C-alpha atoms as a PDB file:
ATOM      1  CA  MET A   1      52.163-141.055 -74.767  1.00  0.00           C
ATOM      2  CA  GLY A   2      51.550-137.284 -74.493  1.00  0.00           C
ATOM      3  CA  SER A   3      48.356-135.536 -75.319  1.00  0.00           C
ATOM      4  CA  SER A   4      47.478-132.839 -77.910  1.00  0.00           C
ATOM      5  CA  THR A   5      44.473-130.609 -78.371  1.00  0.00           C
ATOM      6  CA  ILE A   6      42.509-130.416 -81.606  1.00  0.00           C
ATOM      7  CA  SER A   7      39.707-128.116 -82.736  1.00  0.00           C
ATOM      8  CA  ILE A   8      36.513-129.478 -84.326  1.00  0.00           C
ATOM      9  CA  PRO A   9      34.011-127.194 -86.027  1.00  0.00           C
ATOM     10  CA  VAL A  10      30.483-127.483 -84.690  1.00  0.00           C
ATOM     11  CA  ASP A  11      27.304-125.503 -85.166  1.00  0.00           C
ATOM     12  CA  GLU A  12      26.421-122.669 -82.787  1.00  0.00           C
ATOM     13  CA  GLU A  13      23.797-124.672 -80.895  1.00  0.00           C
ATOM     14  CA  VAL A  14      26.304-127.419 -80.071  1.00  0.00           C
ATOM     15  CA  ALA A  15      28.948-124.831 -79.085  1.00  0.00           C
ATOM     16  CA  ARG A  16      26.525-123.042 -76.758  1.00  0.00           C
ATOM     17  CA  ALA A  17      25.390-126.289 -75.118  1.00  0.00           C
ATOM     18  CA  PHE A  18      29.006-127.395 -74.598  1.00  0.00           C
ATOM     19  CA  GLN A  19      30.119-124.033 -73.169  1.00  0.00           C
ATOM     20  CA  ALA A  20      27.074-123.874 -70.838  1.00  0.00           C
ATOM     21  CA  ALA A  21      27.485-127.461 -69.553  1.00  0.00           C
ATOM     22  CA  PRO A  22      28.974-128.082 -66.094  1.00  0.00           C
ATOM     23  CA  ASP A  23      32.648-129.114 -66.089  1.00  0.00           C
ATOM     24  CA  GLU A  24      31.814-132.710 -65.243  1.00  0.00           C
ATOM     25  CA  GLN A  25      29.461-132.991 -68.236  1.00  0.00           C
ATOM     26  CA  ARG A  26      32.054-131.413 -70.567  1.00  0.00           C
ATOM     27  CA  ARG A  27      34.704-133.882 -69.390  1.00  0.00           C
ATOM     28  CA  ALA A  28      32.304-136.741 -70.020  1.00  0.00           C
ATOM     29  CA  TRP A  29      31.625-135.505 -73.559  1.00  0.00           C
ATOM     30  CA  GLU A  30      35.331-134.993 -74.172  1.00  0.00           C
ATOM     31  CA  LEU A  31      36.046-138.577 -73.049  1.00  0.00           C
ATOM     32  CA  MET A  32      33.274-139.922 -75.263  1.00  0.00           C
ATOM     33  CA  LEU A  33      34.568-137.983 -78.255  1.00  0.00           C
ATOM     34  CA  TYR A  34      38.161-139.082 -77.511  1.00  0.00           C
ATOM     35  CA  LEU A  35      37.103-142.749 -77.367  1.00  0.00           C
ATOM     36  CA  ARG A  36      35.039-142.485 -80.497  1.00  0.00           C
ATOM     37  CA  LEU A  37      37.824-140.762 -82.449  1.00  0.00           C
ATOM     38  CA  ARG A  38      40.299-143.328 -81.214  1.00  0.00           C
ATOM     39  CA  SER A  39      38.001-146.157 -82.291  1.00  0.00           C
ATOM     40  CA  VAL A  40      37.848-144.885 -85.879  1.00  0.00           C
ATOM     41  CA  THR A  41      41.492-143.863 -86.195  1.00  0.00           C
ATOM     42  CA  ILE A  42      43.164-146.785 -84.518  1.00  0.00           C
ATOM     43  CA  PRO A  43      41.916-150.213 -85.720  1.00  0.00           C
ATOM     44  CA  THR A  44      41.078-152.742 -83.033  1.00  0.00           C
ATOM     45  CA  LYS A  45      39.918-156.326 -83.171  1.00  0.00           C
ATOM     46  CA  GLN A  46      36.496-155.327 -81.900  1.00  0.00           C
ATOM     47  CA  ASN A  47      34.966-151.972 -82.611  1.00  0.00           C
ATOM     48  CA  LEU A  48      35.543-149.847 -79.490  1.00  0.00           C
ATOM     49  CA  LEU A  49      32.226-148.057 -79.902  1.00  0.00           C
ATOM     50  CA  GLN A  50      30.372-151.382 -79.789  1.00  0.00           C
ATOM     51  CA  ILE A  51      32.239-152.278 -76.591  1.00  0.00           C
ATOM     52  CA  LEU A  52      31.415-148.908 -75.012  1.00  0.00           C
ATOM     53  CA  ASP A  53      27.755-149.214 -76.036  1.00  0.00           C
ATOM     54  CA  ARG A  54      27.532-152.634 -74.435  1.00  0.00           C
ATOM     55  CA  LEU A  55      29.319-151.471 -71.281  1.00  0.00           C
ATOM     56  CA  GLY A  56      27.099-148.443 -71.073  1.00  0.00           C
ATOM     57  CA  LYS A  57      23.941-150.589 -71.277  1.00  0.00           C
ATOM     58  CA  GLN A  58      25.269-152.947 -68.667  1.00  0.00           C
ATOM     59  CA  ALA A  59      26.182-150.080 -66.365  1.00  0.00           C
ATOM     60  CA  GLN A  60      22.734-148.532 -66.770  1.00  0.00           C
ATOM     61  CA  GLU A  61      21.023-151.862 -66.094  1.00  0.00           C
ATOM     62  CA  ARG A  62      23.111-152.201 -62.930  1.00  0.00           C
ATOM     63  CA  GLY A  63      22.107-148.792 -61.721  1.00  0.00           C
ATOM     64  CA  LEU A  64      25.181-146.601 -62.476  1.00  0.00           C
ATOM     65  CA  THR A  65      24.282-143.089 -61.370  1.00  0.00           C
ATOM     66  CA  ASP A  66      25.422-139.785 -62.823  1.00  0.00           C
ATOM     67  CA  GLU A  67      27.340-139.162 -59.571  1.00  0.00           C
ATOM     68  CA  GLU A  68      29.175-142.476 -59.880  1.00  0.00           C
ATOM     69  CA  LEU A  69      30.038-141.666 -63.460  1.00  0.00           C
ATOM     70  CA  ALA A  70      31.299-138.252 -62.417  1.00  0.00           C
ATOM     71  CA  ASP A  71      33.504-139.963 -59.758  1.00  0.00           C
ATOM     72  CA  MET A  72      34.882-142.325 -62.346  1.00  0.00           C
ATOM     73  CA  LEU A  73      35.652-139.461 -64.761  1.00  0.00           C
ATOM     74  CA  LYS A  74      37.365-137.516 -61.891  1.00  0.00           C
ATOM     75  CA  LYS A  75      39.560-140.514 -61.100  1.00  0.00           C
ATOM     76  CA  TRP A  76      40.336-140.877 -64.809  1.00  0.00           C
ATOM     77  CA  GLU A  77      41.383-137.228 -64.978  1.00  0.00           C
ATOM     78  CA  ASP A  78      43.370-137.417 -61.697  1.00  0.00           C
ATOM     79  CA  GLU A  79      45.381-140.276 -63.193  1.00  0.00           C
ATOM     80  CA  GLY A  80      46.432-138.021 -66.034  1.00  0.00           C
ATOM     81  CA  ARG A  81      44.592-139.898 -68.751  1.00  0.00           C
ATOM     82  CA  PRO A  82      43.431-138.059 -71.848  1.00  0.00           C
END
């Protein structure tokens, strides 16, 4: 499956925060938005957002650091995933 780019209108404050964020933070936000949009546009047996929330809480409880998350996102990107 290929990838496409879409534009989403946001207010100026959100746009400024996004544009000012480091690349790693922007990629994390993009991934979160991608997963959320996917969860509402492609039906699944279990709501993807609920799964991600649960996984996020578990990761936080187990001590996942921002650096580890950045490494995971980098690997995700290196593998050519959206």
